[in-house]
Amino acid sequence: MNYGISNLSIIPVRLEPSEKSEMVTQILFGEHFEMREQMVGWTNVKLAYDGYEGWVDTKMITPINNRTLKKIEKSASAVTSDVITIVPVKEDQNLMLVAGSTLPVWRPYLKQFSVIRDTFLATGNVIYGESKDPRKMIIDQTLKYFNAPYLWGGRTPFGVDCSGLIQVIYKMIGIKLPRDASQQVKYGTAISFVEEAEPGDLAFFDDEEGNITHVGIIWKRNKIIHASGQVRIDNVDQFGIFNVDTKRYTHKLRVMKKIIDANGTY
């Protein structure tokens, strides 16, 4: 098998091998993937993090050999938490990393990470290991995305969709969730009453056919942070999301899920 890694801030992954095809997700810096099929100018990839598949412009791929792959898989990794992290490369060059980027082969005491043969000094705030207060961390990180524009397939503070936001935020606290809301709803423990929800719990919403189409993060009592037009804060109750601007319900509640247990572990 052939593998690659993202050595760029963001790599768009498309449904079909065409620039005109819809973007289904994004690969953030430091995330690796299997290269499955090639066409002229395009490579079909399967992301190691969540198994998502799609087409990537071949010019954006940095191939890695099996030795590097094993080193990445066996070594610790860290995740950036600042909206933007600037990492010096050379005197006149930098890496620009968005929140949620992976720092492979992480050396915490040196604050260094490695991509293939290159070693970099991490700057800014980096998250690694289990959080002592994961619920607080979830809310603190999610609020950094406030007013970020909605972008189908997006996973960054400069454009994000509802499930992309949840996946990246939970990635920061060390919990691996699938890419789509319809997959994420299969995780965690269902909450019987809205009043039982705690900060960091997830709320899922369905359409008229019963398909899960939306997800958000519970903030305070009866408040939800979610990506709908932009990352925003609205009211939520047993009926669904009540938009504070339009004064009407926009999403019908299906279920709330607790990913973090009563002891704050996961």
Protein backbone atom coordinates (compact mmCIF):
# COMPACT_ATOMS: atom_id res chain seq x y z
CA MET A 1 0.00 0.00 0.00
CA ASN A 2 1.08 3.56 -0.69
CA TYR A 3 0.58 6.31 1.87
CA GLY A 4 0.80 10.07 1.96
CA ILE A 5 0.64 12.89 4.49
CA SER A 6 -0.61 16.44 4.39
CA ASN A 7 2.34 18.82 4.41
CA LEU A 8 -0.04 21.70 3.63
CA SER A 9 -2.39 23.60 5.92
CA ILE A 10 -5.50 22.20 4.24
CA ILE A 11 -6.09 19.72 1.41
CA PRO A 12 -9.62 19.62 -0.02
CA VAL A 13 -11.05 16.15 -0.61
CA ARG A 14 -13.61 15.96 -3.42
CA LEU A 15 -16.38 13.52 -4.29
CA GLU A 16 -15.15 13.11 -7.87
CA PRO A 17 -11.73 13.72 -9.51
CA SER A 18 -12.53 17.27 -10.61
CA GLU A 19 -12.06 20.79 -9.26
CA LYS A 20 -15.76 21.30 -10.00
CA SER A 21 -16.80 18.40 -7.78
CA GLU A 22 -18.13 19.11 -4.29
CA MET A 23 -15.72 19.10 -1.36
CA VAL A 24 -16.69 16.34 1.07
CA THR A 25 -14.02 16.93 3.73
CA GLN A 26 -10.57 18.39 4.30
CA ILE A 27 -7.25 16.88 5.33
CA LEU A 28 -5.50 19.05 7.89
CA PHE A 29 -1.74 19.35 8.28
CA GLY A 30 -0.09 16.21 9.64
CA GLU A 31 -2.98 13.84 8.89
CA HIS A 32 -2.00 10.83 6.80
CA PHE A 33 -3.91 8.65 4.38
CA GLU A 34 -3.79 5.63 2.10
CA MET A 35 -3.47 6.29 -1.64
CA ARG A 36 -5.83 3.84 -3.32
CA GLU A 37 -6.31 4.74 -6.98
CA GLN A 38 -4.79 7.21 -9.41
CA MET A 39 -6.06 9.06 -12.45
CA VAL A 40 -4.41 11.84 -14.42
CA GLY A 41 -3.78 14.58 -11.85
CA TRP A 42 -5.92 12.96 -9.13
CA THR A 43 -5.51 10.37 -6.37
CA ASN A 44 -8.25 8.57 -4.48
CA VAL A 45 -7.40 8.52 -0.77
CA LYS A 46 -8.71 6.95 2.43
CA LEU A 47 -7.98 8.98 5.56
CA ALA A 48 -6.33 7.08 8.39
CA TYR A 49 -8.10 9.18 11.04
CA ASP A 50 -11.71 8.45 10.12
CA GLY A 51 -11.72 6.20 7.06
CA TYR A 52 -13.24 8.90 4.85
CA GLU A 53 -12.62 8.51 1.13
CA GLY A 54 -12.41 10.94 -1.75
CA TRP A 55 -10.27 12.48 -4.46
CA VAL A 56 -7.27 14.76 -3.92
CA ASP A 57 -5.18 16.80 -6.36
CA THR A 58 -2.03 14.68 -6.66
CA LYS A 59 0.22 17.77 -6.53
CA MET A 60 -0.88 18.35 -2.94
CA ILE A 61 0.25 14.93 -1.69
CA THR A 62 3.54 14.28 0.11
CA PRO A 63 4.24 10.52 -0.16
CA ILE A 64 5.63 8.64 2.84
CA ASN A 65 7.31 5.23 2.96
CA ASN A 66 6.39 2.35 5.28
CA ARG A 67 9.15 3.23 7.73
CA THR A 68 7.80 6.76 8.16
CA LEU A 69 4.25 5.43 8.39
CA LYS A 70 5.15 3.06 11.23
CA LYS A 71 7.01 5.83 13.02
CA ILE A 72 3.94 8.09 12.82
CA GLU A 73 1.58 5.34 13.99
CA LYS A 74 3.76 4.27 16.93
CA SER A 75 4.76 7.73 18.14
CA ALA A 76 2.74 10.26 20.09
CA SER A 77 1.04 13.06 18.24
CA ALA A 78 -0.30 16.42 19.33
CA VAL A 79 -2.96 18.80 18.05
CA THR A 80 -2.78 22.57 17.58
CA SER A 81 -5.43 24.60 19.40
CA ASP A 82 -4.83 28.19 18.27
CA VAL A 83 -6.95 29.45 15.37
CA ILE A 84 -3.68 29.91 13.46
CA THR A 85 -0.23 28.62 14.41
CA ILE A 86 2.82 29.92 12.53
CA VAL A 87 5.70 27.44 12.56
CA PRO A 88 9.08 28.67 11.28
CA VAL A 89 10.61 26.51 8.55
CA LYS A 90 13.44 28.65 7.21
CA GLU A 91 14.44 32.26 7.58
CA ASP A 92 11.92 33.32 4.96
CA GLN A 93 9.41 30.45 5.16
CA ASN A 94 6.68 29.40 7.58
CA LEU A 95 4.07 26.70 7.99
CA MET A 96 0.59 28.09 8.65
CA LEU A 97 -1.44 25.56 10.63
CA VAL A 98 -5.15 25.84 11.46
CA ALA A 99 -6.67 24.65 14.74
CA GLY A 100 -6.94 20.87 14.89
CA SER A 101 -3.80 20.19 12.85
CA THR A 102 -1.80 17.11 13.79
CA LEU A 103 1.83 17.40 14.88
CA PRO A 104 3.26 13.94 14.09
CA VAL A 105 6.02 12.24 16.10
CA TRP A 106 5.54 14.69 18.96
CA ARG A 107 8.37 15.33 21.45
CA PRO A 108 6.67 17.18 24.31
CA TYR A 109 9.77 18.16 26.26
CA LEU A 110 11.36 19.71 23.19
CA LYS A 111 8.06 20.94 21.70
CA GLN A 112 9.15 19.42 18.41
CA PHE A 113 7.41 17.38 15.75
CA SER A 114 8.61 15.66 12.60
CA VAL A 115 7.34 15.19 9.07
CA ILE A 116 9.47 12.68 7.15
CA ARG A 117 13.07 13.97 7.60
CA ASP A 118 12.18 17.48 8.73
CA THR A 119 11.87 18.47 12.38
CA PHE A 120 10.04 21.61 13.44
CA LEU A 121 9.71 23.60 16.65
CA ALA A 122 6.05 24.01 17.62
CA THR A 123 4.84 27.47 18.51
CA GLY A 124 1.60 28.51 20.17
CA ASN A 125 -0.68 26.25 22.18
CA VAL A 126 -0.53 22.50 21.64
CA ILE A 127 -2.79 19.84 23.16
CA TYR A 128 -1.54 16.34 23.90
CA GLY A 129 -2.48 13.66 26.38
CA GLU A 130 -5.77 13.45 28.29
CA SER A 131 -7.35 16.66 29.56
CA LYS A 132 -8.09 17.05 33.29
CA ASP A 133 -11.25 18.98 32.42
CA PRO A 134 -12.39 17.81 28.97
CA ARG A 135 -15.78 19.52 29.12
CA LYS A 136 -14.23 22.93 29.76
CA MET A 137 -11.70 22.34 27.00
CA ILE A 138 -14.47 21.42 24.54
CA ILE A 139 -16.34 24.67 25.22
CA ASP A 140 -13.20 26.83 25.26
CA GLN A 141 -12.09 25.46 21.90
CA THR A 142 -15.55 25.55 20.31
CA LEU A 143 -16.06 29.21 21.19
CA LYS A 144 -12.93 30.03 19.17
CA TYR A 145 -14.97 29.05 16.10
CA PHE A 146 -17.77 31.51 16.92
CA ASN A 147 -18.91 33.30 13.72
CA ALA A 148 -16.82 31.01 11.50
CA PRO A 149 -18.65 30.68 8.16
CA TYR A 150 -20.46 27.46 7.31
CA LEU A 151 -18.66 25.48 4.61
CA TRP A 152 -19.83 22.09 3.38
CA GLY A 153 -16.96 19.67 3.99
CA GLY A 154 -15.01 22.23 6.04
CA ARG A 155 -13.00 21.42 9.16
CA THR A 156 -11.32 24.76 9.94
CA PRO A 157 -12.11 28.04 11.74
CA PHE A 158 -12.27 29.67 8.29
CA GLY A 159 -15.03 27.39 7.06
CA VAL A 160 -16.64 24.45 8.83
CA ASP A 161 -19.75 22.29 8.67
CA CYS A 162 -21.70 21.01 11.67
CA SER A 163 -20.10 17.56 11.95
CA GLY A 164 -16.65 18.82 10.96
CA LEU A 165 -16.75 21.15 13.95
CA ILE A 166 -17.64 18.31 16.32
CA GLN A 167 -15.00 15.98 14.90
CA VAL A 168 -12.14 18.49 15.19
CA ILE A 169 -13.14 19.71 18.66
CA TYR A 170 -13.29 16.15 20.00
CA LYS A 171 -10.00 15.39 18.24
CA MET A 172 -8.43 18.08 20.42
CA ILE A 173 -9.37 16.21 23.61
CA GLY A 174 -8.26 12.86 22.24
CA ILE A 175 -11.62 11.39 21.23
CA LYS A 176 -11.82 10.04 17.69
CA LEU A 177 -15.27 10.50 16.13
CA PRO A 178 -16.37 9.75 12.55
CA ARG A 179 -16.77 12.54 10.01
CA ASP A 180 -20.55 12.73 9.50
CA ALA A 181 -23.36 13.41 11.97
CA SER A 182 -25.15 10.22 10.85
CA GLN A 183 -22.08 8.27 12.02
CA GLN A 184 -21.34 10.32 15.13
CA VAL A 185 -24.82 9.66 16.53
CA LYS A 186 -23.88 6.00 17.01
CA TYR A 187 -21.39 6.93 19.76
CA GLY A 188 -21.96 7.76 23.42
CA THR A 189 -24.87 7.24 25.80
CA ALA A 190 -28.33 8.66 25.14
CA ILE A 191 -29.66 11.31 27.52
CA SER A 192 -33.27 10.85 28.63
CA PHE A 193 -34.06 14.49 29.37
CA VAL A 194 -32.71 17.74 27.93
CA GLU A 195 -32.16 19.01 31.46
CA GLU A 196 -29.58 16.25 32.02
CA ALA A 197 -27.29 17.57 29.29
CA GLU A 198 -23.91 18.98 30.33
CA PRO A 199 -21.46 21.25 28.50
CA GLY A 200 -19.74 19.24 25.77
CA ASP A 201 -22.58 16.77 25.21
CA LEU A 202 -23.84 16.38 21.65
CA ALA A 203 -27.34 16.99 20.30
CA PHE A 204 -28.46 15.40 17.02
CA PHE A 205 -31.31 16.52 14.77
CA ASP A 206 -33.19 14.74 11.99
CA ASP A 207 -35.25 15.53 8.92
CA GLU A 208 -38.82 14.49 8.05
CA GLU A 209 -37.56 11.05 6.94
CA GLY A 210 -35.78 10.48 10.25
CA ASN A 211 -32.26 10.91 8.82
CA ILE A 212 -29.70 12.58 11.10
CA THR A 213 -28.74 15.79 9.31
CA HIS A 214 -27.34 18.11 11.99
CA VAL A 215 -25.32 18.07 15.21
CA GLY A 216 -24.25 20.63 17.79
CA ILE A 217 -22.45 20.95 21.12
CA ILE A 218 -24.36 21.73 24.30
CA TRP A 219 -22.94 24.82 26.01
CA LYS A 220 -24.92 26.09 28.97
CA ARG A 221 -28.39 25.03 30.06
CA ASN A 222 -30.64 25.14 26.99
CA LYS A 223 -27.88 26.66 24.84
CA ILE A 224 -26.22 25.02 21.85
CA ILE A 225 -23.20 25.90 19.70
CA HIS A 226 -23.58 24.70 16.12
CA ALA A 227 -22.67 25.51 12.51
CA SER A 228 -25.69 26.73 10.58
CA GLY A 229 -24.86 29.57 8.20
CA GLN A 230 -22.10 30.31 10.66
CA VAL A 231 -20.97 28.92 13.99
CA ARG A 232 -23.56 30.40 16.33
CA ILE A 233 -25.23 30.03 19.70
CA ASP A 234 -28.96 29.31 19.83
CA ASN A 235 -31.52 27.99 22.30
CA VAL A 236 -32.30 24.27 22.42
CA ASP A 237 -35.11 22.34 24.11
CA GLN A 238 -36.99 19.05 23.72
CA PHE A 239 -38.40 20.24 20.39
CA GLY A 240 -35.14 21.32 18.79
CA ILE A 241 -33.08 24.43 18.03
CA PHE A 242 -34.79 27.79 18.42
CA ASN A 243 -32.99 30.43 16.36
CA VAL A 244 -32.54 33.53 18.53
CA ASP A 245 -32.53 35.83 15.48
CA THR A 246 -35.49 34.55 13.48
CA LYS A 247 -37.46 33.47 16.58
CA ARG A 248 -38.42 30.11 15.10
CA TYR A 249 -37.39 26.47 15.31
CA THR A 250 -34.88 25.45 12.64
CA HIS A 251 -33.89 21.86 13.57
CA LYS A 252 -35.93 19.02 15.14
CA LEU A 253 -34.25 17.25 18.07
CA ARG A 254 -33.74 13.50 17.70
CA VAL A 255 -31.42 12.59 20.57
CA MET A 256 -28.73 13.93 22.89
CA LYS A 257 -25.60 11.90 23.55
CA LYS A 258 -23.06 11.93 26.37
CA ILE A 259 -19.58 11.09 25.06
CA ILE A 260 -17.79 11.93 28.33
CA ASP A 261 -18.95 10.01 31.41
CA ALA A 262 -19.82 11.31 34.88
CA ASN A 263 -16.18 11.04 36.01
CA GLY A 264 -15.00 13.26 33.19
CA THR A 265 -13.33 10.34 31.40
CA TYR A 266 -13.91 8.90 27.96
